[in-house]
Amino acid sequence: MAVVAMWKCDRDGSMFDDKKKADAYDKMLELAEQFTALLESQIPGIDEKAGEAFGLLLANNRELVIQACKGRPGVLEELAQSAKITAISPSKTAATQ
């Protein structure tokens, strides 16, 4: 029987077979958590799930956010379009089932 090393993310229990990927995922979740906390501190009464979703969106696309902050705000339009497609897809799938 073979032994396979696995790494578990403490934040959400995700499992990885590559330590580098597990560390990168954990750092992304930490960044998302900080984005969410910032958003919730600045917009009182924001829905918790919406705040978390936005934090994850920013963290997952941090390279585009960095480019936008460096003077290329147009790159966020690409992110907005892909986010619309992602947001629409699950409802269409649920409606067809």
PDB file of N, CA and C in Angstrom:
ATOM      1  N   MET A   1       0.840  -1.160   0.000  1.00  0.00           N
ATOM      2  CA  MET A   1       0.000   0.000   0.000  1.00  0.00           C
ATOM      3  C   MET A   1       0.897   1.239   0.000  1.00  0.00           C
ATOM      4  N   ALA A   2       0.552   2.203  -0.861  1.00  0.00           N
ATOM      5  CA  ALA A   2       1.325   3.440  -0.973  1.00  0.00           C
ATOM      6  C   ALA A   2       0.814   4.471   0.026  1.00  0.00           C
ATOM      7  N   VAL A   3       1.725   5.293   0.483  1.00  0.00           N
ATOM      8  CA  VAL A   3       1.369   6.384   1.382  1.00  0.00           C
ATOM      9  C   VAL A   3       1.445   7.682   0.582  1.00  0.00           C
ATOM     10  N   VAL A   4       0.389   8.467   0.648  1.00  0.00           N
ATOM     11  CA  VAL A   4       0.332   9.722  -0.084  1.00  0.00           C
ATOM     12  C   VAL A   4       0.245  10.864   0.926  1.00  0.00           C
ATOM     13  N   ALA A   5       1.183  11.782   0.822  1.00  0.00           N
ATOM     14  CA  ALA A   5       1.172  12.947   1.721  1.00  0.00           C
ATOM     15  C   ALA A   5       0.083  13.915   1.267  1.00  0.00           C
ATOM     16  N   MET A   6      -0.678  14.424   2.235  1.00  0.00           N
ATOM     17  CA  MET A   6      -1.743  15.382   1.944  1.00  0.00           C
ATOM     18  C   MET A   6      -1.610  16.547   2.920  1.00  0.00           C
ATOM     19  N   TRP A   7      -1.985  17.733   2.460  1.00  0.00           N
ATOM     20  CA  TRP A   7      -1.981  18.913   3.295  1.00  0.00           C
ATOM     21  C   TRP A   7      -3.404  19.417   3.396  1.00  0.00           C
ATOM     22  N   LYS A   8      -3.814  19.727   4.614  1.00  0.00           N
ATOM     23  CA  LYS A   8      -5.170  20.177   4.867  1.00  0.00           C
ATOM     24  C   LYS A   8      -5.151  21.651   5.249  1.00  0.00           C
ATOM     25  N   CYS A   9      -6.031  22.415   4.627  1.00  0.00           N
ATOM     26  CA  CYS A   9      -6.158  23.837   4.939  1.00  0.00           C
ATOM     27  C   CYS A   9      -7.001  23.969   6.204  1.00  0.00           C
ATOM     28  N   ASP A  10      -6.453  24.634   7.220  1.00  0.00           N
ATOM     29  CA  ASP A  10      -7.159  24.809   8.490  1.00  0.00           C
ATOM     30  C   ASP A  10      -8.425  25.637   8.356  1.00  0.00           C
ATOM     31  N   ARG A  11      -8.439  26.566   7.422  1.00  0.00           N
ATOM     32  CA  ARG A  11      -9.550  27.507   7.317  1.00  0.00           C
ATOM     33  C   ARG A  11     -10.841  26.872   6.814  1.00  0.00           C
ATOM     34  N   ASP A  12     -10.736  25.953   5.844  1.00  0.00           N
ATOM     35  CA  ASP A  12     -11.967  25.373   5.300  1.00  0.00           C
ATOM     36  C   ASP A  12     -11.900  23.861   5.091  1.00  0.00           C
ATOM     37  N   GLY A  13     -10.810  23.253   5.467  1.00  0.00           N
ATOM     38  CA  GLY A  13     -10.715  21.803   5.376  1.00  0.00           C
ATOM     39  C   GLY A  13     -10.350  21.262   4.004  1.00  0.00           C
ATOM     40  N   SER A  14     -10.038  22.133   3.048  1.00  0.00           N
ATOM     41  CA  SER A  14      -9.637  21.677   1.709  1.00  0.00           C
ATOM     42  C   SER A  14      -8.360  20.855   1.809  1.00  0.00           C
ATOM     43  N   MET A  15      -8.269  19.838   0.974  1.00  0.00           N
ATOM     44  CA  MET A  15      -7.100  18.952   0.980  1.00  0.00           C
ATOM     45  C   MET A  15      -6.294  19.153  -0.302  1.00  0.00           C
ATOM     46  N   PHE A  16      -4.962  19.100  -0.172  1.00  0.00           N
ATOM     47  CA  PHE A  16      -4.056  19.281  -1.299  1.00  0.00           C
ATOM     48  C   PHE A  16      -2.970  18.216  -1.254  1.00  0.00           C
ATOM     49  N   ASP A  17      -2.525  17.797  -2.429  1.00  0.00           N
ATOM     50  CA  ASP A  17      -1.430  16.838  -2.483  1.00  0.00           C
ATOM     51  C   ASP A  17      -0.093  17.541  -2.747  1.00  0.00           C
ATOM     52  N   ASP A  18      -0.117  18.870  -2.782  1.00  0.00           N
ATOM     53  CA  ASP A  18       1.077  19.676  -3.022  1.00  0.00           C
ATOM     54  C   ASP A  18       1.135  20.783  -1.961  1.00  0.00           C
ATOM     55  N   LYS A  19       2.194  20.801  -1.176  1.00  0.00           N
ATOM     56  CA  LYS A  19       2.321  21.777  -0.090  1.00  0.00           C
ATOM     57  C   LYS A  19       2.321  23.208  -0.614  1.00  0.00           C
ATOM     58  N   LYS A  20       2.958  23.452  -1.737  1.00  0.00           N
ATOM     59  CA  LYS A  20       3.015  24.801  -2.296  1.00  0.00           C
ATOM     60  C   LYS A  20       1.608  25.294  -2.651  1.00  0.00           C
ATOM     61  N   LYS A  21       0.788  24.436  -3.238  1.00  0.00           N
ATOM     62  CA  LYS A  21      -0.585  24.808  -3.577  1.00  0.00           C
ATOM     63  C   LYS A  21      -1.415  25.036  -2.321  1.00  0.00           C
ATOM     64  N   ALA A  22      -1.192  24.212  -1.314  1.00  0.00           N
ATOM     65  CA  ALA A  22      -1.921  24.365  -0.047  1.00  0.00           C
ATOM     66  C   ALA A  22      -1.569  25.692   0.614  1.00  0.00           C
ATOM     67  N   ASP A  23      -0.291  26.055   0.618  1.00  0.00           N
ATOM     68  CA  ASP A  23       0.134  27.329   1.204  1.00  0.00           C
ATOM     69  C   ASP A  23      -0.437  28.516   0.429  1.00  0.00           C
ATOM     70  N   ALA A  24      -0.425  28.427  -0.893  1.00  0.00           N
ATOM     71  CA  ALA A  24      -0.968  29.515  -1.720  1.00  0.00           C
ATOM     72  C   ALA A  24      -2.466  29.676  -1.477  1.00  0.00           C
ATOM     73  N   TYR A  25      -3.168  28.569  -1.358  1.00  0.00           N
ATOM     74  CA  TYR A  25      -4.612  28.610  -1.107  1.00  0.00           C
ATOM     75  C   TYR A  25      -4.895  29.213   0.267  1.00  0.00           C
ATOM     76  N   ASP A  26      -4.108  28.831   1.259  1.00  0.00           N
ATOM     77  CA  ASP A  26      -4.285  29.370   2.605  1.00  0.00           C
ATOM     78  C   ASP A  26      -4.030  30.874   2.626  1.00  0.00           C
ATOM     79  N   LYS A  27      -3.004  31.329   1.901  1.00  0.00           N
ATOM     80  CA  LYS A  27      -2.725  32.764   1.830  1.00  0.00           C
ATOM     81  C   LYS A  27      -3.858  33.505   1.129  1.00  0.00           C
ATOM     82  N   MET A  28      -4.433  32.900   0.093  1.00  0.00           N
ATOM     83  CA  MET A  28      -5.559  33.519  -0.602  1.00  0.00           C
ATOM     84  C   MET A  28      -6.751  33.655   0.335  1.00  0.00           C
ATOM     85  N   LEU A  29      -7.027  32.614   1.133  1.00  0.00           N
ATOM     86  CA  LEU A  29      -8.136  32.681   2.077  1.00  0.00           C
ATOM     87  C   LEU A  29      -7.885  33.732   3.162  1.00  0.00           C
ATOM     88  N   GLU A  30      -6.637  33.867   3.581  1.00  0.00           N
ATOM     89  CA  GLU A  30      -6.299  34.878   4.585  1.00  0.00           C
ATOM     90  C   GLU A  30      -6.527  36.285   4.018  1.00  0.00           C
ATOM     91  N   LEU A  31      -6.123  36.501   2.767  1.00  0.00           N
ATOM     92  CA  LEU A  31      -6.340  37.786   2.120  1.00  0.00           C
ATOM     93  C   LEU A  31      -7.832  38.059   1.968  1.00  0.00           C
ATOM     94  N   ALA A  32      -8.594  37.050   1.572  1.00  0.00           N
ATOM     95  CA  ALA A  32     -10.045  37.200   1.428  1.00  0.00           C
ATOM     96  C   ALA A  32     -10.676  37.572   2.762  1.00  0.00           C
ATOM     97  N   GLU A  33     -10.206  36.963   3.826  1.00  0.00           N
ATOM     98  CA  GLU A  33     -10.715  37.266   5.164  1.00  0.00           C
ATOM     99  C   GLU A  33     -10.459  38.724   5.532  1.00  0.00           C
ATOM    100  N   GLN A  34      -9.278  39.225   5.173  1.00  0.00           N
ATOM    101  CA  GLN A  34      -8.942  40.619   5.469  1.00  0.00           C
ATOM    102  C   GLN A  34      -9.762  41.592   4.612  1.00  0.00           C
ATOM    103  N   PHE A  35      -9.955  41.252   3.333  1.00  0.00           N
ATOM    104  CA  PHE A  35     -10.812  42.077   2.477  1.00  0.00           C
ATOM    105  C   PHE A  35     -12.233  42.119   3.041  1.00  0.00           C
ATOM    106  N   THR A  36     -12.723  40.982   3.477  1.00  0.00           N
ATOM    107  CA  THR A  36     -14.078  40.905   4.037  1.00  0.00           C
ATOM    108  C   THR A  36     -14.188  41.743   5.303  1.00  0.00           C
ATOM    109  N   ALA A  37     -13.207  41.629   6.175  1.00  0.00           N
ATOM    110  CA  ALA A  37     -13.224  42.410   7.419  1.00  0.00           C
ATOM    111  C   ALA A  37     -13.197  43.905   7.120  1.00  0.00           C
ATOM    112  N   LEU A  38     -12.388  44.316   6.151  1.00  0.00           N
ATOM    113  CA  LEU A  38     -12.323  45.719   5.765  1.00  0.00           C
ATOM    114  C   LEU A  38     -13.671  46.192   5.236  1.00  0.00           C
ATOM    115  N   LEU A  39     -14.261  45.421   4.358  1.00  0.00           N
ATOM    116  CA  LEU A  39     -15.562  45.771   3.783  1.00  0.00           C
ATOM    117  C   LEU A  39     -16.626  45.883   4.868  1.00  0.00           C
ATOM    118  N   GLU A  40     -16.664  44.904   5.764  1.00  0.00           N
ATOM    119  CA  GLU A  40     -17.666  44.913   6.835  1.00  0.00           C
ATOM    120  C   GLU A  40     -17.453  46.075   7.801  1.00  0.00           C
ATOM    121  N   SER A  41     -16.200  46.502   8.000  1.00  0.00           N
ATOM    122  CA  SER A  41     -15.940  47.627   8.898  1.00  0.00           C
ATOM    123  C   SER A  41     -16.337  48.960   8.273  1.00  0.00           C
ATOM    124  N   GLN A  42     -16.339  49.017   6.957  1.00  0.00           N
ATOM    125  CA  GLN A  42     -16.640  50.274   6.270  1.00  0.00           C
ATOM    126  C   GLN A  42     -18.095  50.393   5.824  1.00  0.00           C
ATOM    127  N   ILE A  43     -18.790  49.265   5.714  1.00  0.00           N
ATOM    128  CA  ILE A  43     -20.189  49.278   5.283  1.00  0.00           C
ATOM    129  C   ILE A  43     -21.006  48.528   6.338  1.00  0.00           C
ATOM    130  N   PRO A  44     -21.479  49.264   7.347  1.00  0.00           N
ATOM    131  CA  PRO A  44     -22.255  48.628   8.417  1.00  0.00           C
ATOM    132  C   PRO A  44     -23.525  47.974   7.860  1.00  0.00           C
ATOM    133  N   GLY A  45     -23.832  46.807   8.365  1.00  0.00           N
ATOM    134  CA  GLY A  45     -25.054  46.112   7.973  1.00  0.00           C
ATOM    135  C   GLY A  45     -24.951  45.322   6.686  1.00  0.00           C
ATOM    136  N   ILE A  46     -23.758  45.235   6.090  1.00  0.00           N
ATOM    137  CA  ILE A  46     -23.617  44.460   4.858  1.00  0.00           C
ATOM    138  C   ILE A  46     -23.882  42.991   5.157  1.00  0.00           C
ATOM    139  N   ASP A  47     -24.527  42.321   4.249  1.00  0.00           N
ATOM    140  CA  ASP A  47     -24.803  40.895   4.391  1.00  0.00           C
ATOM    141  C   ASP A  47     -23.478  40.134   4.492  1.00  0.00           C
ATOM    142  N   GLU A  48     -23.381  39.260   5.479  1.00  0.00           N
ATOM    143  CA  GLU A  48     -22.131  38.531   5.721  1.00  0.00           C
ATOM    144  C   GLU A  48     -21.708  37.698   4.513  1.00  0.00           C
ATOM    145  N   LYS A  49     -22.667  37.011   3.893  1.00  0.00           N
ATOM    146  CA  LYS A  49     -22.332  36.174   2.729  1.00  0.00           C
ATOM    147  C   LYS A  49     -21.866  37.022   1.555  1.00  0.00           C
ATOM    148  N   ALA A  50     -22.485  38.181   1.358  1.00  0.00           N
ATOM    149  CA  ALA A  50     -22.074  39.080   0.280  1.00  0.00           C
ATOM    150  C   ALA A  50     -20.666  39.605   0.544  1.00  0.00           C
ATOM    151  N   GLY A  51     -20.378  39.944   1.791  1.00  0.00           N
ATOM    152  CA  GLY A  51     -19.045  40.410   2.153  1.00  0.00           C
ATOM    153  C   GLY A  51     -17.989  39.352   1.909  1.00  0.00           C
ATOM    154  N   GLU A  52     -18.297  38.118   2.296  1.00  0.00           N
ATOM    155  CA  GLU A  52     -17.357  37.015   2.074  1.00  0.00           C
ATOM    156  C   GLU A  52     -17.154  36.759   0.592  1.00  0.00           C
ATOM    157  N   ALA A  53     -18.226  36.804  -0.180  1.00  0.00           N
ATOM    158  CA  ALA A  53     -18.130  36.572  -1.619  1.00  0.00           C
ATOM    159  C   ALA A  53     -17.258  37.640  -2.273  1.00  0.00           C
ATOM    160  N   PHE A  54     -17.436  38.900  -1.858  1.00  0.00           N
ATOM    161  CA  PHE A  54     -16.640  39.976  -2.419  1.00  0.00           C
ATOM    162  C   PHE A  54     -15.179  39.841  -2.004  1.00  0.00           C
ATOM    163  N   GLY A  55     -14.937  39.475  -0.750  1.00  0.00           N
ATOM    164  CA  GLY A  55     -13.568  39.266  -0.285  1.00  0.00           C
ATOM    165  C   GLY A  55     -12.870  38.172  -1.072  1.00  0.00           C
ATOM    166  N   LEU A  56     -13.581  37.076  -1.323  1.00  0.00           N
ATOM    167  CA  LEU A  56     -13.014  35.985  -2.120  1.00  0.00           C
ATOM    168  C   LEU A  56     -12.780  36.414  -3.565  1.00  0.00           C
ATOM    169  N   LEU A  57     -13.696  37.194  -4.124  1.00  0.00           N
ATOM    170  CA  LEU A  57     -13.533  37.689  -5.494  1.00  0.00           C
ATOM    171  C   LEU A  57     -12.265  38.520  -5.613  1.00  0.00           C
ATOM    172  N   LEU A  58     -12.061  39.442  -4.671  1.00  0.00           N
ATOM    173  CA  LEU A  58     -10.855  40.274  -4.701  1.00  0.00           C
ATOM    174  C   LEU A  58      -9.593  39.439  -4.504  1.00  0.00           C
ATOM    175  N   ALA A  59      -9.613  38.526  -3.552  1.00  0.00           N
ATOM    176  CA  ALA A  59      -8.428  37.713  -3.263  1.00  0.00           C
ATOM    177  C   ALA A  59      -8.083  36.786  -4.424  1.00  0.00           C
ATOM    178  N   ASN A  60      -9.099  36.186  -5.038  1.00  0.00           N
ATOM    179  CA  ASN A  60      -8.854  35.289  -6.171  1.00  0.00           C
ATOM    180  C   ASN A  60      -8.333  36.027  -7.392  1.00  0.00           C
ATOM    181  N   ASN A  61      -8.573  37.321  -7.451  1.00  0.00           N
ATOM    182  CA  ASN A  61      -8.170  38.121  -8.604  1.00  0.00           C
ATOM    183  C   ASN A  61      -7.232  39.251  -8.195  1.00  0.00           C
ATOM    184  N   ARG A  62      -6.390  38.971  -7.226  1.00  0.00           N
ATOM    185  CA  ARG A  62      -5.529  40.012  -6.666  1.00  0.00           C
ATOM    186  C   ARG A  62      -4.603  40.633  -7.716  1.00  0.00           C
ATOM    187  N   GLU A  63      -4.171  39.871  -8.698  1.00  0.00           N
ATOM    188  CA  GLU A  63      -3.284  40.426  -9.725  1.00  0.00           C
ATOM    189  C   GLU A  63      -4.002  41.510 -10.529  1.00  0.00           C
ATOM    190  N   LEU A  64      -5.273  41.289 -10.861  1.00  0.00           N
ATOM    191  CA  LEU A  64      -6.044  42.311 -11.566  1.00  0.00           C
ATOM    192  C   LEU A  64      -6.280  43.528 -10.681  1.00  0.00           C
ATOM    193  N   VAL A  65      -6.531  43.302  -9.394  1.00  0.00           N
ATOM    194  CA  VAL A  65      -6.731  44.410  -8.454  1.00  0.00           C
ATOM    195  C   VAL A  65      -5.445  45.238  -8.362  1.00  0.00           C
ATOM    196  N   ILE A  66      -4.311  44.578  -8.313  1.00  0.00           N
ATOM    197  CA  ILE A  66      -3.018  45.277  -8.257  1.00  0.00           C
ATOM    198  C   ILE A  66      -2.820  46.107  -9.518  1.00  0.00           C
ATOM    199  N   GLN A  67      -3.128  45.533 -10.684  1.00  0.00           N
ATOM    200  CA  GLN A  67      -2.994  46.274 -11.940  1.00  0.00           C
ATOM    201  C   GLN A  67      -3.895  47.502 -11.943  1.00  0.00           C
ATOM    202  N   ALA A  68      -5.107  47.343 -11.453  1.00  0.00           N
ATOM    203  CA  ALA A  68      -6.045  48.469 -11.394  1.00  0.00           C
ATOM    204  C   ALA A  68      -5.513  49.572 -10.485  1.00  0.00           C
ATOM    205  N   CYS A  69      -4.934  49.196  -9.364  1.00  0.00           N
ATOM    206  CA  CYS A  69      -4.390  50.176  -8.424  1.00  0.00           C
ATOM    207  C   CYS A  69      -3.149  50.877  -8.990  1.00  0.00           C
ATOM    208  N   LYS A  70      -2.498  50.231  -9.940  1.00  0.00           N
ATOM    209  CA  LYS A  70      -1.297  50.820 -10.546  1.00  0.00           C
ATOM    210  C   LYS A  70      -1.630  51.655 -11.780  1.00  0.00           C
ATOM    211  N   GLY A  71      -2.912  51.986 -11.959  1.00  0.00           N
ATOM    212  CA  GLY A  71      -3.258  52.887 -13.044  1.00  0.00           C
ATOM    213  C   GLY A  71      -3.949  52.259 -14.241  1.00  0.00           C
ATOM    214  N   ARG A  72      -4.354  51.012 -14.133  1.00  0.00           N
ATOM    215  CA  ARG A  72      -5.064  50.355 -15.231  1.00  0.00           C
ATOM    216  C   ARG A  72      -6.449  49.908 -14.760  1.00  0.00           C
ATOM    217  N   PRO A  73      -7.323  50.850 -14.401  1.00  0.00           N
ATOM    218  CA  PRO A  73      -8.636  50.486 -13.861  1.00  0.00           C
ATOM    219  C   PRO A  73      -9.504  49.703 -14.839  1.00  0.00           C
ATOM    220  N   GLY A  74      -9.213  49.793 -16.121  1.00  0.00           N
ATOM    221  CA  GLY A  74      -9.988  49.069 -17.128  1.00  0.00           C
ATOM    222  C   GLY A  74      -9.928  47.557 -16.982  1.00  0.00           C
ATOM    223  N   VAL A  75      -8.893  47.050 -16.324  1.00  0.00           N
ATOM    224  CA  VAL A  75      -8.790  45.597 -16.175  1.00  0.00           C
ATOM    225  C   VAL A  75      -9.915  45.048 -15.301  1.00  0.00           C
ATOM    226  N   LEU A  76     -10.485  45.901 -14.456  1.00  0.00           N
ATOM    227  CA  LEU A  76     -11.579  45.446 -13.586  1.00  0.00           C
ATOM    228  C   LEU A  76     -12.856  45.171 -14.378  1.00  0.00           C
ATOM    229  N   GLU A  77     -12.973  45.781 -15.573  1.00  0.00           N
ATOM    230  CA  GLU A  77     -14.133  45.501 -16.411  1.00  0.00           C
ATOM    231  C   GLU A  77     -14.135  44.021 -16.811  1.00  0.00           C
ATOM    232  N   GLU A  78     -12.968  43.501 -17.118  1.00  0.00           N
ATOM    233  CA  GLU A  78     -12.844  42.077 -17.449  1.00  0.00           C
ATOM    234  C   GLU A  78     -13.292  41.217 -16.273  1.00  0.00           C
ATOM    235  N   LEU A  79     -12.883  41.605 -15.076  1.00  0.00           N
ATOM    236  CA  LEU A  79     -13.269  40.887 -13.867  1.00  0.00           C
ATOM    237  C   LEU A  79     -14.771  40.984 -13.638  1.00  0.00           C
ATOM    238  N   ALA A  80     -15.333  42.166 -13.856  1.00  0.00           N
ATOM    239  CA  ALA A  80     -16.778  42.357 -13.671  1.00  0.00           C
ATOM    240  C   ALA A  80     -17.563  41.474 -14.630  1.00  0.00           C
ATOM    241  N   GLN A  81     -17.117  41.364 -15.851  1.00  0.00           N
ATOM    242  CA  GLN A  81     -17.816  40.534 -16.838  1.00  0.00           C
ATOM    243  C   GLN A  81     -17.724  39.054 -16.478  1.00  0.00           C
ATOM    244  N   SER A  82     -16.555  38.599 -16.056  1.00  0.00           N
ATOM    245  CA  SER A  82     -16.421  37.188 -15.694  1.00  0.00           C
ATOM    246  C   SER A  82     -17.196  36.879 -14.422  1.00  0.00           C
ATOM    247  N   ALA A  83     -17.292  37.849 -13.504  1.00  0.00           N
ATOM    248  CA  ALA A  83     -18.062  37.643 -12.272  1.00  0.00           C
ATOM    249  C   ALA A  83     -19.547  37.539 -12.583  1.00  0.00           C
ATOM    250  N   LYS A  84     -20.037  38.310 -13.557  1.00  0.00           N
ATOM    251  CA  LYS A  84     -21.440  38.222 -13.955  1.00  0.00           C
ATOM    252  C   LYS A  84     -21.742  36.843 -14.515  1.00  0.00           C
ATOM    253  N   ILE A  85     -20.857  36.336 -15.340  1.00  0.00           N
ATOM    254  CA  ILE A  85     -21.052  35.017 -15.937  1.00  0.00           C
ATOM    255  C   ILE A  85     -21.077  33.956 -14.849  1.00  0.00           C
ATOM    256  N   THR A  86     -20.161  34.040 -13.895  1.00  0.00           N
ATOM    257  CA  THR A  86     -20.107  33.083 -12.798  1.00  0.00           C
ATOM    258  C   THR A  86     -21.364  33.171 -11.941  1.00  0.00           C
ATOM    259  N   ALA A  87     -21.819  34.386 -11.671  1.00  0.00           N
ATOM    260  CA  ALA A  87     -23.009  34.568 -10.832  1.00  0.00           C
ATOM    261  C   ALA A  87     -24.257  34.066 -11.530  1.00  0.00           C
ATOM    262  N   ILE A  88     -24.321  34.194 -12.843  1.00  0.00           N
ATOM    263  CA  ILE A  88     -25.500  33.781 -13.594  1.00  0.00           C
ATOM    264  C   ILE A  88     -25.524  32.270 -13.789  1.00  0.00           C
ATOM    265  N   SER A  89     -24.383  31.669 -14.007  1.00  0.00           N
ATOM    266  CA  SER A  89     -24.321  30.237 -14.319  1.00  0.00           C
ATOM    267  C   SER A  89     -24.981  29.328 -13.303  1.00  0.00           C
ATOM    268  N   PRO A  90     -24.713  29.461 -11.992  1.00  0.00           N
ATOM    269  CA  PRO A  90     -25.361  28.553 -11.036  1.00  0.00           C
ATOM    270  C   PRO A  90     -26.869  28.630 -11.060  1.00  0.00           C
ATOM    271  N   SER A  91     -27.448  29.839 -11.241  1.00  0.00           N
ATOM    272  CA  SER A  91     -28.905  29.928 -11.244  1.00  0.00           C
ATOM    273  C   SER A  91     -29.492  29.274 -12.475  1.00  0.00           C
ATOM    274  N   LYS A  92     -28.813  29.406 -13.600  1.00  0.00           N
ATOM    275  CA  LYS A  92     -29.298  28.745 -14.808  1.00  0.00           C
ATOM    276  C   LYS A  92     -29.247  27.236 -14.636  1.00  0.00           C
ATOM    277  N   THR A  93     -28.174  26.752 -14.037  1.00  0.00           N
ATOM    278  CA  THR A  93     -28.042  25.320 -13.813  1.00  0.00           C
ATOM    279  C   THR A  93     -29.148  24.820 -12.883  1.00  0.00           C
ATOM    280  N   ALA A  94     -29.406  25.563 -11.805  1.00  0.00           N
ATOM    281  CA  ALA A  94     -30.421  25.159 -10.853  1.00  0.00           C
ATOM    282  C   ALA A  94     -31.804  25.196 -11.489  1.00  0.00           C
ATOM    283  N   ALA A  95     -32.033  26.151 -12.386  1.00  0.00           N
ATOM    284  CA  ALA A  95     -33.344  26.276 -13.017  1.00  0.00           C
ATOM    285  C   ALA A  95     -33.616  25.139 -13.997  1.00  0.00           C
ATOM    286  N   THR A  96     -32.543  24.593 -14.600  1.00  0.00           N
ATOM    287  CA  THR A  96     -32.735  23.538 -15.590  1.00  0.00           C
ATOM    288  C   THR A  96     -32.859  22.163 -14.967  1.00  0.00           C
ATOM    289  N   GLN A  97     -32.547  22.042 -13.690  1.00  0.00           N
ATOM    290  CA  GLN A  97     -32.599  20.713 -13.059  1.00  0.00           C
ATOM    291  C   GLN A  97     -33.956  20.361 -12.580  1.00  0.00           C
TER     292      GLN A  97
END
